[in-house]
Amino acid sequence: MSVIYLSGPMTGYPDFNRSMFNSAAAKLREEGHIVYNPAEYKFDGEFPVREAFAEYCQFICTKADTIAMLPGWEFSKGATMEYR
């Protein structure tokens, strides 16, 4: 079992690419992994960019032992930063 952060492109995709994120997260969870899926980040109203990215970074730095990169990540500013 791994603790995985899911990373990939969101901006410019229909519904922020949630279908790809959710599909990948479901498959990894079925395999027994713990998965942080940023597409599941809960919020009301306007997206709280600072709070969301602070949570993402905290998970990447303190809990994840691996990162799963979704197709197209190399063209995403956010995903390339997460990868680094």
PDB file of N, CA and C in Angstrom:
ATOM      1  N   MET A   1       0.846  -1.183   0.000  1.00  0.00           N
ATOM      2  CA  MET A   1       0.000   0.000   0.000  1.00  0.00           C
ATOM      3  C   MET A   1       0.889   1.243   0.000  1.00  0.00           C
ATOM      4  N   SER A   2       0.510   2.200  -0.819  1.00  0.00           N
ATOM      5  CA  SER A   2       1.214   3.481  -0.893  1.00  0.00           C
ATOM      6  C   SER A   2       0.265   4.600  -0.515  1.00  0.00           C
ATOM      7  N   VAL A   3       0.856   5.712  -0.102  1.00  0.00           N
ATOM      8  CA  VAL A   3       0.105   6.942   0.134  1.00  0.00           C
ATOM      9  C   VAL A   3       0.441   7.841  -1.052  1.00  0.00           C
ATOM     10  N   ILE A   4      -0.563   8.095  -1.892  1.00  0.00           N
ATOM     11  CA  ILE A   4      -0.333   8.709  -3.203  1.00  0.00           C
ATOM     12  C   ILE A   4      -1.020  10.060  -3.326  1.00  0.00           C
ATOM     13  N   TYR A   5      -0.275  11.022  -3.859  1.00  0.00           N
ATOM     14  CA  TYR A   5      -0.850  12.298  -4.255  1.00  0.00           C
ATOM     15  C   TYR A   5      -1.085  12.217  -5.756  1.00  0.00           C
ATOM     16  N   LEU A   6      -2.291  12.534  -6.176  1.00  0.00           N
ATOM     17  CA  LEU A   6      -2.674  12.479  -7.581  1.00  0.00           C
ATOM     18  C   LEU A   6      -2.484  13.860  -8.204  1.00  0.00           C
ATOM     19  N   SER A   7      -1.720  13.929  -9.279  1.00  0.00           N
ATOM     20  CA  SER A   7      -1.401  15.204  -9.907  1.00  0.00           C
ATOM     21  C   SER A   7      -1.658  15.132 -11.409  1.00  0.00           C
ATOM     22  N   GLY A   8      -2.142  16.244 -11.967  1.00  0.00           N
ATOM     23  CA  GLY A   8      -2.372  16.296 -13.397  1.00  0.00           C
ATOM     24  C   GLY A   8      -2.974  17.622 -13.799  1.00  0.00           C
ATOM     25  N   PRO A   9      -3.268  17.767 -15.070  1.00  0.00           N
ATOM     26  CA  PRO A   9      -3.802  19.027 -15.566  1.00  0.00           C
ATOM     27  C   PRO A   9      -5.272  19.199 -15.194  1.00  0.00           C
ATOM     28  N   MET A  10      -5.642  20.418 -14.824  1.00  0.00           N
ATOM     29  CA  MET A  10      -7.033  20.747 -14.503  1.00  0.00           C
ATOM     30  C   MET A  10      -7.508  21.963 -15.292  1.00  0.00           C
ATOM     31  N   THR A  11      -6.723  23.005 -15.303  1.00  0.00           N
ATOM     32  CA  THR A  11      -7.106  24.250 -15.960  1.00  0.00           C
ATOM     33  C   THR A  11      -7.274  24.038 -17.460  1.00  0.00           C
ATOM     34  N   GLY A  12      -8.394  24.524 -17.982  1.00  0.00           N
ATOM     35  CA  GLY A  12      -8.677  24.430 -19.407  1.00  0.00           C
ATOM     36  C   GLY A  12      -9.393  23.155 -19.822  1.00  0.00           C
ATOM     37  N   TYR A  13      -9.617  22.260 -18.878  1.00  0.00           N
ATOM     38  CA  TYR A  13     -10.330  21.018 -19.162  1.00  0.00           C
ATOM     39  C   TYR A  13     -11.783  21.142 -18.726  1.00  0.00           C
ATOM     40  N   PRO A  14     -12.691  20.440 -19.415  1.00  0.00           N
ATOM     41  CA  PRO A  14     -14.091  20.441 -18.974  1.00  0.00           C
ATOM     42  C   PRO A  14     -14.181  19.930 -17.529  1.00  0.00           C
ATOM     43  N   ASP A  15     -14.933  20.633 -16.713  1.00  0.00           N
ATOM     44  CA  ASP A  15     -15.120  20.293 -15.291  1.00  0.00           C
ATOM     45  C   ASP A  15     -13.785  20.074 -14.588  1.00  0.00           C
ATOM     46  N   PHE A  16     -12.776  20.821 -15.002  1.00  0.00           N
ATOM     47  CA  PHE A  16     -11.434  20.769 -14.395  1.00  0.00           C
ATOM     48  C   PHE A  16     -10.847  19.356 -14.378  1.00  0.00           C
ATOM     49  N   ASN A  17     -11.208  18.544 -15.374  1.00  0.00           N
ATOM     50  CA  ASN A  17     -10.633  17.211 -15.545  1.00  0.00           C
ATOM     51  C   ASN A  17     -10.990  16.260 -14.396  1.00  0.00           C
ATOM     52  N   ARG A  18     -12.086  16.563 -13.708  1.00  0.00           N
ATOM     53  CA  ARG A  18     -12.469  15.744 -12.555  1.00  0.00           C
ATOM     54  C   ARG A  18     -12.705  14.278 -12.915  1.00  0.00           C
ATOM     55  N   SER A  19     -13.234  14.017 -14.102  1.00  0.00           N
ATOM     56  CA  SER A  19     -13.512  12.618 -14.469  1.00  0.00           C
ATOM     57  C   SER A  19     -12.220  11.799 -14.517  1.00  0.00           C
ATOM     58  N   MET A  20     -11.148  12.348 -15.066  1.00  0.00           N
ATOM     59  CA  MET A  20      -9.881  11.617 -15.108  1.00  0.00           C
ATOM     60  C   MET A  20      -9.314  11.439 -13.700  1.00  0.00           C
ATOM     61  N   PHE A  21      -9.351  12.508 -12.905  1.00  0.00           N
ATOM     62  CA  PHE A  21      -8.854  12.425 -11.528  1.00  0.00           C
ATOM     63  C   PHE A  21      -9.641  11.389 -10.733  1.00  0.00           C
ATOM     64  N   ASN A  22     -10.958  11.447 -10.812  1.00  0.00           N
ATOM     65  CA  ASN A  22     -11.797  10.543 -10.030  1.00  0.00           C
ATOM     66  C   ASN A  22     -11.644   9.092 -10.473  1.00  0.00           C
ATOM     67  N   SER A  23     -11.501   8.871 -11.764  1.00  0.00           N
ATOM     68  CA  SER A  23     -11.293   7.524 -12.281  1.00  0.00           C
ATOM     69  C   SER A  23      -9.966   6.948 -11.783  1.00  0.00           C
ATOM     70  N   ALA A  24      -8.911   7.736 -11.865  1.00  0.00           N
ATOM     71  CA  ALA A  24      -7.596   7.281 -11.403  1.00  0.00           C
ATOM     72  C   ALA A  24      -7.605   7.025  -9.902  1.00  0.00           C
ATOM     73  N   ALA A  25      -8.233   7.920  -9.148  1.00  0.00           N
ATOM     74  CA  ALA A  25      -8.307   7.750  -7.692  1.00  0.00           C
ATOM     75  C   ALA A  25      -9.063   6.469  -7.335  1.00  0.00           C
ATOM     76  N   ALA A  26     -10.168   6.213  -8.013  1.00  0.00           N
ATOM     77  CA  ALA A  26     -10.953   5.004  -7.737  1.00  0.00           C
ATOM     78  C   ALA A  26     -10.134   3.745  -7.998  1.00  0.00           C
ATOM     79  N   LYS A  27      -9.415   3.725  -9.115  1.00  0.00           N
ATOM     80  CA  LYS A  27      -8.593   2.551  -9.459  1.00  0.00           C
ATOM     81  C   LYS A  27      -7.502   2.326  -8.413  1.00  0.00           C
ATOM     82  N   LEU A  28      -6.826   3.390  -8.022  1.00  0.00           N
ATOM     83  CA  LEU A  28      -5.757   3.264  -7.028  1.00  0.00           C
ATOM     84  C   LEU A  28      -6.309   2.825  -5.671  1.00  0.00           C
ATOM     85  N   ARG A  29      -7.458   3.341  -5.300  1.00  0.00           N
ATOM     86  CA  ARG A  29      -8.074   2.940  -4.026  1.00  0.00           C
ATOM     87  C   ARG A  29      -8.506   1.483  -4.064  1.00  0.00           C
ATOM     88  N   GLU A  30      -8.999   1.019  -5.206  1.00  0.00           N
ATOM     89  CA  GLU A  30      -9.367  -0.391  -5.349  1.00  0.00           C
ATOM     90  C   GLU A  30      -8.154  -1.293  -5.149  1.00  0.00           C
ATOM     91  N   GLU A  31      -6.977  -0.787  -5.501  1.00  0.00           N
ATOM     92  CA  GLU A  31      -5.730  -1.539  -5.316  1.00  0.00           C
ATOM     93  C   GLU A  31      -5.234  -1.466  -3.875  1.00  0.00           C
ATOM     94  N   GLY A  32      -5.938  -0.704  -3.024  1.00  0.00           N
ATOM     95  CA  GLY A  32      -5.591  -0.634  -1.608  1.00  0.00           C
ATOM     96  C   GLY A  32      -4.756   0.555  -1.191  1.00  0.00           C
ATOM     97  N   HIS A  33      -4.561   1.508  -2.087  1.00  0.00           N
ATOM     98  CA  HIS A  33      -3.748   2.676  -1.768  1.00  0.00           C
ATOM     99  C   HIS A  33      -4.589   3.773  -1.105  1.00  0.00           C
ATOM    100  N   ILE A  34      -3.917   4.605  -0.346  1.00  0.00           N
ATOM    101  CA  ILE A  34      -4.517   5.825   0.182  1.00  0.00           C
ATOM    102  C   ILE A  34      -4.213   6.915  -0.834  1.00  0.00           C
ATOM    103  N   VAL A  35      -5.237   7.632  -1.279  1.00  0.00           N
ATOM    104  CA  VAL A  35      -5.061   8.595  -2.368  1.00  0.00           C
ATOM    105  C   VAL A  35      -5.600   9.961  -1.974  1.00  0.00           C
ATOM    106  N   TYR A  36      -4.776  10.997  -2.181  1.00  0.00           N
ATOM    107  CA  TYR A  36      -5.250  12.367  -2.075  1.00  0.00           C
ATOM    108  C   TYR A  36      -5.568  12.821  -3.492  1.00  0.00           C
ATOM    109  N   ASN A  37      -6.836  13.109  -3.724  1.00  0.00           N
ATOM    110  CA  ASN A  37      -7.310  13.541  -5.032  1.00  0.00           C
ATOM    111  C   ASN A  37      -7.712  15.011  -4.933  1.00  0.00           C
ATOM    112  N   PRO A  38      -6.937  15.940  -5.497  1.00  0.00           N
ATOM    113  CA  PRO A  38      -7.277  17.357  -5.384  1.00  0.00           C
ATOM    114  C   PRO A  38      -8.615  17.714  -6.029  1.00  0.00           C
ATOM    115  N   ALA A  39      -9.117  16.868  -6.924  1.00  0.00           N
ATOM    116  CA  ALA A  39     -10.429  17.122  -7.527  1.00  0.00           C
ATOM    117  C   ALA A  39     -11.560  16.926  -6.515  1.00  0.00           C
ATOM    118  N   GLU A  40     -11.254  16.317  -5.376  1.00  0.00           N
ATOM    119  CA  GLU A  40     -12.247  16.118  -4.326  1.00  0.00           C
ATOM    120  C   GLU A  40     -12.210  17.206  -3.260  1.00  0.00           C
ATOM    121  N   TYR A  41     -11.358  18.199  -3.450  1.00  0.00           N
ATOM    122  CA  TYR A  41     -11.253  19.283  -2.475  1.00  0.00           C
ATOM    123  C   TYR A  41     -12.612  19.972  -2.338  1.00  0.00           C
ATOM    124  N   LYS A  42     -13.113  20.029  -1.131  1.00  0.00           N
ATOM    125  CA  LYS A  42     -14.449  20.593  -0.870  1.00  0.00           C
ATOM    126  C   LYS A  42     -14.358  22.081  -0.539  1.00  0.00           C
ATOM    127  N   PHE A  43     -15.236  22.844  -1.166  1.00  0.00           N
ATOM    128  CA  PHE A  43     -15.311  24.273  -0.875  1.00  0.00           C
ATOM    129  C   PHE A  43     -16.674  24.791  -1.295  1.00  0.00           C
ATOM    130  N   ASP A  44     -17.068  25.906  -0.700  1.00  0.00           N
ATOM    131  CA  ASP A  44     -18.308  26.589  -1.060  1.00  0.00           C
ATOM    132  C   ASP A  44     -17.955  27.938  -1.663  1.00  0.00           C
ATOM    133  N   GLY A  45     -18.599  28.297  -2.742  1.00  0.00           N
ATOM    134  CA  GLY A  45     -18.349  29.602  -3.358  1.00  0.00           C
ATOM    135  C   GLY A  45     -17.098  29.592  -4.210  1.00  0.00           C
ATOM    136  N   GLU A  46     -16.363  30.688  -4.147  1.00  0.00           N
ATOM    137  CA  GLU A  46     -15.152  30.849  -4.947  1.00  0.00           C
ATOM    138  C   GLU A  46     -14.046  29.915  -4.444  1.00  0.00           C
ATOM    139  N   PHE A  47     -13.286  29.328  -5.381  1.00  0.00           N
ATOM    140  CA  PHE A  47     -12.218  28.403  -5.021  1.00  0.00           C
ATOM    141  C   PHE A  47     -11.152  29.115  -4.190  1.00  0.00           C
ATOM    142  N   PRO A  48     -10.849  28.614  -2.992  1.00  0.00           N
ATOM    143  CA  PRO A  48      -9.860  29.246  -2.110  1.00  0.00           C
ATOM    144  C   PRO A  48      -8.436  28.805  -2.466  1.00  0.00           C
ATOM    145  N   VAL A  49      -7.845  29.446  -3.435  1.00  0.00           N
ATOM    146  CA  VAL A  49      -6.564  29.024  -3.999  1.00  0.00           C
ATOM    147  C   VAL A  49      -5.494  28.824  -2.927  1.00  0.00           C
ATOM    148  N   ARG A  50      -5.277  29.817  -2.081  1.00  0.00           N
ATOM    149  CA  ARG A  50      -4.205  29.719  -1.077  1.00  0.00           C
ATOM    150  C   ARG A  50      -4.420  28.551  -0.125  1.00  0.00           C
ATOM    151  N   GLU A  51      -5.646  28.417   0.372  1.00  0.00           N
ATOM    152  CA  GLU A  51      -5.931  27.341   1.322  1.00  0.00           C
ATOM    153  C   GLU A  51      -5.803  25.966   0.676  1.00  0.00           C
ATOM    154  N   ALA A  52      -6.303  25.850  -0.540  1.00  0.00           N
ATOM    155  CA  ALA A  52      -6.238  24.562  -1.239  1.00  0.00           C
ATOM    156  C   ALA A  52      -4.793  24.159  -1.505  1.00  0.00           C
ATOM    157  N   PHE A  53      -3.986  25.065  -2.032  1.00  0.00           N
ATOM    158  CA  PHE A  53      -2.609  24.720  -2.336  1.00  0.00           C
ATOM    159  C   PHE A  53      -1.786  24.487  -1.083  1.00  0.00           C
ATOM    160  N   ALA A  54      -2.123  25.166   0.007  1.00  0.00           N
ATOM    161  CA  ALA A  54      -1.449  24.893   1.280  1.00  0.00           C
ATOM    162  C   ALA A  54      -1.737  23.459   1.721  1.00  0.00           C
ATOM    163  N   GLU A  55      -2.989  23.021   1.566  1.00  0.00           N
ATOM    164  CA  GLU A  55      -3.357  21.643   1.923  1.00  0.00           C
ATOM    165  C   GLU A  55      -2.659  20.646   1.005  1.00  0.00           C
ATOM    166  N   TYR A  56      -2.637  20.923  -0.297  1.00  0.00           N
ATOM    167  CA  TYR A  56      -1.971  20.028  -1.246  1.00  0.00           C
ATOM    168  C   TYR A  56      -0.494  19.869  -0.871  1.00  0.00           C
ATOM    169  N   CYS A  57       0.163  21.005  -0.637  1.00  0.00           N
ATOM    170  CA  CYS A  57       1.597  20.980  -0.321  1.00  0.00           C
ATOM    171  C   CYS A  57       1.863  20.233   0.977  1.00  0.00           C
ATOM    172  N   GLN A  58       1.021  20.434   1.967  1.00  0.00           N
ATOM    173  CA  GLN A  58       1.202  19.740   3.235  1.00  0.00           C
ATOM    174  C   GLN A  58       1.122  18.227   3.031  1.00  0.00           C
ATOM    175  N   PHE A  59       0.151  17.778   2.244  1.00  0.00           N
ATOM    176  CA  PHE A  59       0.022  16.346   1.990  1.00  0.00           C
ATOM    177  C   PHE A  59       1.243  15.818   1.239  1.00  0.00           C
ATOM    178  N   ILE A  60       1.654  16.518   0.185  1.00  0.00           N
ATOM    179  CA  ILE A  60       2.805  16.080  -0.613  1.00  0.00           C
ATOM    180  C   ILE A  60       4.059  15.966   0.261  1.00  0.00           C
ATOM    181  N   CYS A  61       4.285  16.971   1.107  1.00  0.00           N
ATOM    182  CA  CYS A  61       5.524  17.035   1.885  1.00  0.00           C
ATOM    183  C   CYS A  61       5.523  16.174   3.141  1.00  0.00           C
ATOM    184  N   THR A  62       4.363  15.908   3.730  1.00  0.00           N
ATOM    185  CA  THR A  62       4.361  15.222   5.019  1.00  0.00           C
ATOM    186  C   THR A  62       3.698  13.850   5.029  1.00  0.00           C
ATOM    187  N   LYS A  63       2.905  13.521   4.000  1.00  0.00           N
ATOM    188  CA  LYS A  63       2.179  12.252   4.050  1.00  0.00           C
ATOM    189  C   LYS A  63       2.430  11.345   2.853  1.00  0.00           C
ATOM    190  N   ALA A  64       2.513  11.905   1.666  1.00  0.00           N
ATOM    191  CA  ALA A  64       2.647  11.087   0.453  1.00  0.00           C
ATOM    192  C   ALA A  64       4.021  10.431   0.381  1.00  0.00           C
ATOM    193  N   ASP A  65       4.019   9.177  -0.075  1.00  0.00           N
ATOM    194  CA  ASP A  65       5.306   8.554  -0.356  1.00  0.00           C
ATOM    195  C   ASP A  65       5.540   8.415  -1.855  1.00  0.00           C
ATOM    196  N   THR A  66       4.509   8.804  -2.628  1.00  0.00           N
ATOM    197  CA  THR A  66       4.670   8.816  -4.084  1.00  0.00           C
ATOM    198  C   THR A  66       3.656   9.781  -4.695  1.00  0.00           C
ATOM    199  N   ILE A  67       3.900  10.126  -5.935  1.00  0.00           N
ATOM    200  CA  ILE A  67       2.987  11.003  -6.666  1.00  0.00           C
ATOM    201  C   ILE A  67       2.646  10.306  -7.979  1.00  0.00           C
ATOM    202  N   ALA A  68       1.365  10.265  -8.310  1.00  0.00           N
ATOM    203  CA  ALA A  68       0.917   9.670  -9.569  1.00  0.00           C
ATOM    204  C   ALA A  68       0.591  10.800 -10.529  1.00  0.00           C
ATOM    205  N   MET A  69       1.238  10.786 -11.679  1.00  0.00           N
ATOM    206  CA  MET A  69       1.082  11.843 -12.660  1.00  0.00           C
ATOM    207  C   MET A  69       0.119  11.394 -13.756  1.00  0.00           C
ATOM    208  N   LEU A  70      -0.946  12.170 -13.950  1.00  0.00           N
ATOM    209  CA  LEU A  70      -1.940  11.867 -14.973  1.00  0.00           C
ATOM    210  C   LEU A  70      -1.471  12.370 -16.342  1.00  0.00           C
ATOM    211  N   PRO A  71      -1.976  11.781 -17.421  1.00  0.00           N
ATOM    212  CA  PRO A  71      -1.588  12.217 -18.761  1.00  0.00           C
ATOM    213  C   PRO A  71      -1.777  13.721 -18.949  1.00  0.00           C
ATOM    214  N   GLY A  72      -0.803  14.333 -19.573  1.00  0.00           N
ATOM    215  CA  GLY A  72      -0.834  15.766 -19.839  1.00  0.00           C
ATOM    216  C   GLY A  72      -0.230  16.611 -18.736  1.00  0.00           C
ATOM    217  N   TRP A  73       0.257  15.987 -17.662  1.00  0.00           N
ATOM    218  CA  TRP A  73       0.794  16.738 -16.527  1.00  0.00           C
ATOM    219  C   TRP A  73       1.942  17.660 -16.932  1.00  0.00           C
ATOM    220  N   GLU A  74       2.725  17.227 -17.913  1.00  0.00           N
ATOM    221  CA  GLU A  74       3.907  18.003 -18.297  1.00  0.00           C
ATOM    222  C   GLU A  74       3.555  19.342 -18.947  1.00  0.00           C
ATOM    223  N   PHE A  75       2.281  19.531 -19.286  1.00  0.00           N
ATOM    224  CA  PHE A  75       1.832  20.796 -19.872  1.00  0.00           C
ATOM    225  C   PHE A  75       1.082  21.655 -18.850  1.00  0.00           C
ATOM    226  N   SER A  76       1.042  21.206 -17.603  1.00  0.00           N
ATOM    227  CA  SER A  76       0.329  21.906 -16.537  1.00  0.00           C
ATOM    228  C   SER A  76       1.311  22.595 -15.609  1.00  0.00           C
ATOM    229  N   LYS A  77       1.153  23.891 -15.435  1.00  0.00           N
ATOM    230  CA  LYS A  77       2.034  24.645 -14.540  1.00  0.00           C
ATOM    231  C   LYS A  77       1.965  24.092 -13.117  1.00  0.00           C
ATOM    232  N   GLY A  78       0.752  23.864 -12.619  1.00  0.00           N
ATOM    233  CA  GLY A  78       0.595  23.358 -11.260  1.00  0.00           C
ATOM    234  C   GLY A  78       1.160  21.964 -11.076  1.00  0.00           C
ATOM    235  N   ALA A  79       0.871  21.059 -12.022  1.00  0.00           N
ATOM    236  CA  ALA A  79       1.355  19.686 -11.912  1.00  0.00           C
ATOM    237  C   ALA A  79       2.873  19.611 -12.016  1.00  0.00           C
ATOM    238  N   THR A  80       3.488  20.444 -12.855  1.00  0.00           N
ATOM    239  CA  THR A  80       4.947  20.410 -12.954  1.00  0.00           C
ATOM    240  C   THR A  80       5.575  20.922 -11.650  1.00  0.00           C
ATOM    241  N   MET A  81       4.950  21.872 -10.981  1.00  0.00           N
ATOM    242  CA  MET A  81       5.448  22.318  -9.683  1.00  0.00           C
ATOM    243  C   MET A  81       5.294  21.207  -8.637  1.00  0.00           C
ATOM    244  N   GLU A  82       4.169  20.498  -8.675  1.00  0.00           N
ATOM    245  CA  GLU A  82       3.967  19.398  -7.733  1.00  0.00           C
ATOM    246  C   GLU A  82       4.996  18.294  -7.964  1.00  0.00           C
ATOM    247  N   TYR A  83       5.299  18.028  -9.210  1.00  0.00           N
ATOM    248  CA  TYR A  83       6.283  17.009  -9.560  1.00  0.00           C
ATOM    249  C   TYR A  83       7.669  17.340  -9.016  1.00  0.00           C
ATOM    250  N   ARG A  84       8.029  18.606  -9.144  1.00  0.00           N
ATOM    251  CA  ARG A  84       9.354  19.041  -8.646  1.00  0.00           C
ATOM    252  C   ARG A  84       9.419  18.901  -7.161  1.00  0.00           C
TER     253      ARG A  84
END
